[in-house]
N, C-alpha and C. Protein backbone atom coordinates (compact mmCIF):
# COMPACT_ATOMS: atom_id res chain seq x y z
N TRP A 1 -13.00 -15.61 -9.72
CA TRP A 1 -12.40 -15.10 -10.22
C TRP A 1 -11.60 -14.82 -11.52
N ILE A 2 -11.39 -13.89 -12.20
CA ILE A 2 -11.28 -13.40 -13.31
C ILE A 2 -10.46 -14.31 -14.01
N GLU A 3 -10.46 -14.71 -14.96
CA GLU A 3 -9.20 -16.15 -15.79
C GLU A 3 -8.30 -14.56 -16.30
N GLY A 4 -7.20 -14.91 -17.69
CA GLY A 4 -6.60 -14.65 -18.45
C GLY A 4 -6.24 -12.79 -17.95
N VAL A 5 -6.28 -12.08 -16.53
CA VAL A 5 -6.08 -10.65 -16.60
C VAL A 5 -4.08 -10.86 -17.00
N TRP A 6 -3.92 -9.46 -17.09
CA TRP A 6 -2.77 -9.27 -17.23
C TRP A 6 -2.45 -7.68 -16.94
N LEU A 7 -0.98 -7.54 -16.78
CA LEU A 7 -0.74 -6.20 -16.35
C LEU A 7 0.18 -5.43 -17.37
N GLU A 8 -0.31 -4.19 -17.71
CA GLU A 8 0.32 -3.83 -18.30
C GLU A 8 1.33 -2.54 -17.48
N GLY A 9 2.41 -2.30 -18.32
CA GLY A 9 3.52 -1.13 -17.90
C GLY A 9 3.78 -1.36 -15.76
N GLN A 10 4.56 -0.18 -15.26
CA GLN A 10 4.98 -1.25 -14.36
C GLN A 10 4.32 -1.33 -13.06
N GLY A 11 4.07 -2.71 -12.54
CA GLY A 11 3.55 -3.27 -11.07
C GLY A 11 4.18 -2.58 -10.20
N PRO A 12 3.51 -2.79 -9.10
CA PRO A 12 3.76 -3.01 -7.83
C PRO A 12 5.26 -3.99 -7.49
N ALA A 13 5.98 -4.00 -6.74
CA ALA A 13 7.52 -4.22 -5.85
C ALA A 13 7.39 -5.68 -5.72
N ALA A 14 7.70 -7.04 -5.74
CA ALA A 14 7.06 -8.37 -4.94
C ALA A 14 7.74 -7.67 -3.45
N ARG A 15 6.12 -8.33 -2.85
CA ARG A 15 6.44 -7.87 -1.24
C ARG A 15 5.47 -9.30 -0.39
N PHE A 16 5.95 -9.41 0.80
CA PHE A 16 4.74 -10.01 1.98
C PHE A 16 4.83 -9.23 2.45
N ALA A 17 4.10 -10.61 3.88
CA ALA A 17 3.45 -9.40 5.01
C ALA A 17 2.78 -7.92 4.92
N HIS A 18 2.41 -7.50 3.90
CA HIS A 18 1.97 -6.32 3.66
C HIS A 18 0.65 -5.91 3.54
N THR A 19 -0.22 -4.59 3.54
CA THR A 19 -1.13 -4.41 3.33
C THR A 19 -1.94 -3.98 1.80
N ALA A 20 -2.56 -4.89 1.19
CA ALA A 20 -3.49 -3.97 0.06
C ALA A 20 -4.85 -3.45 0.93
N GLU A 21 -5.16 -2.43 -0.63
CA GLU A 21 -6.67 -1.45 -0.27
C GLU A 21 -7.05 -0.85 -1.71
N ILE A 22 -8.19 -1.73 -2.26
CA ILE A 22 -8.65 -0.50 -3.27
C ILE A 22 -9.56 0.32 -3.11
N LEU A 23 -9.01 1.97 -3.26
CA LEU A 23 -9.74 2.92 -2.87
C LEU A 23 -9.99 3.42 -4.23
N HIS A 24 -11.02 3.91 -5.09
CA HIS A 24 -11.91 4.16 -6.56
C HIS A 24 -10.93 2.91 -6.81
N SER A 25 -10.02 3.97 -8.30
CA SER A 25 -9.99 3.21 -8.55
C SER A 25 -7.76 2.72 -8.89
N ASP A 26 -7.82 2.76 -7.84
CA ASP A 26 -6.49 2.89 -7.25
C ASP A 26 -5.69 1.48 -6.64
N MET A 27 -5.01 0.69 -6.27
CA MET A 27 -4.31 -0.02 -5.02
C MET A 27 -3.82 0.72 -4.25
N PHE A 28 -3.52 0.76 -3.12
CA PHE A 28 -2.67 1.11 -1.80
C PHE A 28 -1.82 -0.09 -1.46
N ILE A 29 -0.86 -0.08 -1.60
CA ILE A 29 -0.40 -0.99 -0.67
C ILE A 29 0.86 -0.22 -0.16
N PHE A 30 0.97 -0.72 1.00
CA PHE A 30 1.48 -0.92 2.54
C PHE A 30 2.45 -1.87 2.94
N GLY A 31 3.72 -1.10 3.66
CA GLY A 31 4.85 -1.89 4.58
C GLY A 31 5.01 -3.14 3.71
N GLY A 32 5.65 -4.30 4.81
CA GLY A 32 5.87 -5.12 4.32
C GLY A 32 7.15 -5.30 4.04
N SER A 33 7.80 -6.16 3.11
CA SER A 33 9.17 -6.74 3.08
C SER A 33 9.33 -6.93 1.60
N GLY A 34 10.13 -7.35 1.08
CA GLY A 34 10.93 -7.49 0.01
C GLY A 34 11.39 -8.83 -0.26
N ASP A 35 11.72 -9.45 0.23
CA ASP A 35 12.58 -10.91 0.92
C ASP A 35 12.95 -11.77 2.91
N LEU A 36 13.02 -12.56 2.53
CA LEU A 36 13.77 -12.62 3.88
C LEU A 36 14.98 -12.22 5.12
N GLN A 37 15.27 -11.37 3.57
CA GLN A 37 16.21 -10.59 4.39
C GLN A 37 16.00 -9.27 3.92
N SER A 38 15.18 -8.52 3.64
CA SER A 38 15.30 -7.24 3.92
C SER A 38 14.38 -6.95 4.86
N LYS A 39 15.26 -4.84 4.85
CA LYS A 39 14.05 -4.76 6.24
C LYS A 39 13.32 -4.46 5.70
N LEU A 40 11.85 -3.96 7.07
CA LEU A 40 10.36 -3.68 6.50
C LEU A 40 10.04 -1.67 6.02
N THR A 41 9.78 -2.36 5.41
CA THR A 41 8.90 -0.59 4.44
C THR A 41 7.98 -0.23 5.29
N ASN A 42 8.16 1.53 5.05
CA ASN A 42 6.83 2.08 5.49
C ASN A 42 6.34 2.58 4.29
N ASN A 43 6.62 2.38 3.35
CA ASN A 43 6.47 3.37 2.13
C ASN A 43 4.95 2.94 1.84
N LEU A 44 4.15 4.02 1.33
CA LEU A 44 3.57 3.56 0.58
C LEU A 44 2.99 3.83 -0.33
N GLY A 45 2.90 2.71 -2.16
CA GLY A 45 2.81 2.66 -3.04
C GLY A 45 1.08 2.59 -3.64
N ARG A 46 1.31 3.33 -4.76
CA ARG A 46 -0.79 3.60 -5.49
C ARG A 46 -0.15 3.37 -6.57
N SER A 47 -1.31 1.91 -7.69
CA SER A 47 -1.22 1.87 -8.11
C SER A 47 -3.06 2.40 -8.60
N ASN A 48 -2.44 2.66 -10.24
CA ASN A 48 -3.75 3.31 -11.15
C ASN A 48 -4.78 1.69 -11.53
N LEU A 49 -5.26 1.01 -11.28
CA LEU A 49 -6.38 -0.16 -12.67
C LEU A 49 -7.40 0.39 -12.87
N THR A 50 -6.55 0.42 -13.96
CA THR A 50 -8.37 1.04 -15.07
C THR A 50 -8.16 -0.64 -15.46
N ILE A 51 -9.89 -0.64 -15.89
CA ILE A 51 -10.39 -1.27 -16.98
C ILE A 51 -11.16 -0.87 -17.96
N PHE A 52 -10.78 -1.26 -19.16
CA PHE A 52 -11.59 -0.97 -20.69
C PHE A 52 -11.86 -2.23 -20.61
N GLY A 53 -13.04 -2.55 -21.15
CA GLY A 53 -13.11 -4.05 -22.05
C GLY A 53 -12.80 -4.68 -21.52
N GLY A 54 -11.78 -5.50 -22.95
CA GLY A 54 -11.08 -6.24 -22.88
C GLY A 54 -9.77 -6.06 -22.88
N GLU A 55 -9.23 -4.71 -22.32
CA GLU A 55 -8.16 -4.49 -22.11
C GLU A 55 -7.72 -4.68 -21.06
N PRO A 56 -6.38 -4.82 -20.99
CA PRO A 56 -5.96 -5.34 -19.53
C PRO A 56 -5.44 -4.42 -18.67
N PHE A 57 -5.26 -4.49 -17.28
CA PHE A 57 -5.25 -3.62 -16.44
C PHE A 57 -4.05 -2.25 -16.41
N GLN A 58 -4.64 -1.37 -16.48
CA GLN A 58 -2.77 -0.49 -17.05
C GLN A 58 -3.18 -0.38 -15.19
N CYS A 59 -1.91 -0.56 -15.56
CA CYS A 59 -1.27 -0.23 -13.80
C CYS A 59 -0.29 0.33 -14.04
N GLN A 60 0.17 1.88 -13.24
CA GLN A 60 0.73 2.64 -12.93
C GLN A 60 1.44 2.77 -11.58
N GLN A 61 2.65 2.07 -11.24
CA GLN A 61 3.08 2.29 -9.60
C GLN A 61 3.60 3.36 -9.16
N HIS A 62 3.24 3.99 -8.95
CA HIS A 62 3.43 5.53 -7.41
C HIS A 62 3.89 5.52 -6.44
N ALA A 63 4.79 5.33 -5.98
CA ALA A 63 5.75 5.05 -4.33
C ALA A 63 5.49 6.76 -3.63
N LEU A 64 4.26 7.01 -2.77
CA LEU A 64 4.31 8.01 -2.36
C LEU A 64 5.78 8.41 -1.22
N GLY A 65 6.33 8.95 -2.36
CA GLY A 65 7.49 9.19 -0.40
C GLY A 65 6.80 10.50 0.24
N VAL A 66 7.94 10.63 1.19
CA VAL A 66 8.05 11.74 1.89
C VAL A 66 8.01 13.22 1.18
N GLY A 67 8.73 13.70 0.79
CA GLY A 67 8.51 14.42 -0.83
C GLY A 67 7.64 14.91 -0.64
N GLU A 68 6.35 14.17 -1.91
CA GLU A 68 5.42 13.82 -1.72
C GLU A 68 4.08 14.30 -1.25
N SER A 69 4.08 13.66 0.56
CA SER A 69 2.64 13.67 0.64
C SER A 69 2.70 13.82 2.46
N ARG A 70 2.47 14.70 2.31
CA ARG A 70 2.05 15.65 4.19
C ARG A 70 2.75 14.84 5.25
N GLY A 71 3.54 14.76 6.45
CA GLY A 71 2.81 14.53 7.59
C GLY A 71 3.95 13.71 7.66
N SER A 72 3.60 12.51 8.40
CA SER A 72 5.30 10.97 8.64
C SER A 72 4.31 9.78 8.67
N PRO A 73 5.00 9.19 7.85
CA PRO A 73 3.79 7.95 7.86
C PRO A 73 4.65 6.84 9.05
N PRO A 74 3.70 5.84 9.18
CA PRO A 74 4.05 5.73 10.59
C PRO A 74 5.22 5.11 10.23
N GLU A 75 6.14 4.31 11.46
CA GLU A 75 6.70 2.71 11.32
C GLU A 75 6.85 2.20 10.05
N ALA A 76 7.84 1.39 10.45
CA ALA A 76 7.85 0.47 8.87
C ALA A 76 7.66 -1.13 10.36
N ARG A 77 6.68 -1.56 9.17
CA ARG A 77 5.78 -2.79 9.92
C ARG A 77 5.79 -3.67 9.07
N HIS A 78 5.46 -5.13 9.58
CA HIS A 78 4.37 -6.27 8.80
C HIS A 78 3.65 -6.67 9.45
N GLY A 79 2.34 -7.62 9.36
CA GLY A 79 1.92 -8.01 9.78
C GLY A 79 0.94 -7.09 10.00
N HIS A 80 0.73 -6.12 9.74
CA HIS A 80 -0.27 -5.20 10.22
C HIS A 80 -1.87 -5.30 9.82
N THR A 81 -2.92 -4.16 9.48
CA THR A 81 -4.14 -4.50 8.91
C THR A 81 -4.46 -2.95 8.47
N MET A 82 -5.16 -3.44 6.89
CA MET A 82 -5.27 -1.95 6.89
C MET A 82 -6.59 -2.12 6.60
N ASN A 83 -7.32 -0.72 6.11
CA ASN A 83 -8.74 -0.59 5.78
C ASN A 83 -9.27 0.66 5.53
N VAL A 84 -10.10 0.55 4.40
CA VAL A 84 -10.43 1.95 3.71
C VAL A 84 -12.44 2.43 4.61
N LEU A 85 -11.52 3.66 4.91
CA LEU A 85 -13.18 4.16 6.11
C LEU A 85 -13.01 5.50 4.84
N ARG A 86 -14.28 6.14 3.85
CA ARG A 86 -14.64 7.02 3.07
C ARG A 86 -13.82 7.30 2.61
N GLU A 87 -12.01 8.45 2.08
CA GLU A 87 -11.83 8.60 1.62
C GLU A 87 -9.98 7.99 2.27
N MET A 88 -10.12 7.73 3.23
CA MET A 88 -8.98 7.21 4.11
C MET A 88 -8.22 6.10 4.15
N LEU A 89 -7.29 5.46 4.14
CA LEU A 89 -6.67 4.45 4.16
C LEU A 89 -6.78 4.39 6.27
N ILE A 90 -6.71 3.40 7.17
CA ILE A 90 -6.36 3.57 8.57
C ILE A 90 -5.87 1.79 8.06
N ILE A 91 -4.20 2.49 9.25
CA ILE A 91 -3.84 1.09 9.98
C ILE A 91 -3.46 0.70 11.14
N PHE A 92 -3.43 -0.70 11.33
CA PHE A 92 -4.08 -0.26 13.05
C PHE A 92 -2.62 -1.85 13.01
N GLY A 93 -1.47 -1.05 13.93
CA GLY A 93 -1.07 -2.70 14.51
C GLY A 93 0.00 -3.15 14.01
N GLY A 94 0.68 -4.53 14.35
CA GLY A 94 1.94 -5.49 13.73
C GLY A 94 2.87 -4.99 13.95
N SER A 95 3.74 -5.06 13.39
CA SER A 95 4.79 -5.90 13.94
C SER A 95 6.30 -4.49 13.36
N ASN A 96 7.06 -4.50 14.22
CA ASN A 96 8.37 -3.59 13.67
C ASN A 96 9.40 -4.69 13.95
N SER A 97 10.52 -3.59 13.02
CA SER A 97 11.70 -4.60 12.32
C SER A 97 12.44 -4.97 13.87
N ARG A 98 11.86 -4.94 15.12
CA ARG A 98 12.72 -5.26 16.38
C ARG A 98 11.87 -6.21 17.23
N GLN A 99 10.18 -6.82 16.32
CA GLN A 99 9.85 -7.58 16.83
C GLN A 99 8.75 -7.51 17.06
N GLU A 100 8.90 -6.02 17.97
CA GLU A 100 8.36 -5.66 19.26
C GLU A 100 6.41 -5.45 18.34
N LEU A 101 5.95 -5.63 19.21
CA LEU A 101 3.94 -5.84 18.48
C LEU A 101 3.41 -3.84 18.99
N LEU A 102 3.12 -3.70 17.34
CA LEU A 102 2.42 -2.53 17.96
C LEU A 102 1.13 -2.11 17.93
N ASN A 103 1.15 -0.54 19.09
CA ASN A 103 -0.64 -0.72 18.75
C ASN A 103 -1.07 0.52 18.70
N ASP A 104 -1.05 1.49 17.60
CA ASP A 104 -0.72 2.67 16.79
C ASP A 104 -1.70 2.52 15.70
N LEU A 105 -2.10 3.70 15.81
CA LEU A 105 -3.22 4.05 14.28
C LEU A 105 -2.82 5.11 13.86
N ALA A 106 -3.09 4.98 12.62
CA ALA A 106 -2.24 6.14 11.86
C ALA A 106 -3.50 5.67 10.25
N ILE A 107 -3.57 7.28 9.97
CA ILE A 107 -4.76 7.49 8.71
C ILE A 107 -4.10 8.10 7.83
N PHE A 108 -4.18 7.31 6.72
CA PHE A 108 -3.66 8.42 5.24
C PHE A 108 -5.58 9.25 4.86
N ASN A 109 -5.16 9.69 4.51
CA ASN A 109 -6.37 10.67 3.62
C ASN A 109 -5.24 11.07 2.48
N SER A 110 -6.73 10.27 0.96
CA SER A 110 -6.06 10.12 0.49
C SER A 110 -6.22 10.86 -1.11
N VAL A 111 -7.15 12.13 -0.54
CA VAL A 111 -7.59 13.12 -0.67
C VAL A 111 -6.10 14.36 -0.85
N TRP A 112 -6.50 14.34 0.34
CA TRP A 112 -4.63 15.65 1.01
C TRP A 112 -4.15 15.26 0.62
N VAL A 113 -3.62 13.83 0.74
CA VAL A 113 -2.48 12.98 0.74
C VAL A 113 -2.13 13.71 2.01
N GLU A 114 -1.65 13.28 2.66
CA GLU A 114 -1.53 13.43 4.30
C GLU A 114 -1.14 12.47 4.93
N TRP A 115 -0.99 12.70 5.97
CA TRP A 115 -0.58 11.40 6.87
C TRP A 115 -1.43 12.49 8.71
């Protein structure tokens, strides 16, 4: 654990039942919900995390919207898994807003910025 770490800049929005993975110096956050009453999301946020000596994390939140990435993101969900393989994020399963279990696989290529 690193104590006394702090963020500068706009960090990711609060949420739960999401996934987060680090790929190089970026943290990708997908899915989940912002509170118990809100609907699920299928947005993919990208925060650049850079550490310079004793400096704070430089955190710049960037939500990759539909117009900024090619292809279609997977259905909104929570309780899913996300893993990194080379330059790709692989999302599997979870549950949708109708509480149906999902058995699908989505791949996001971080180099091509494409689903």
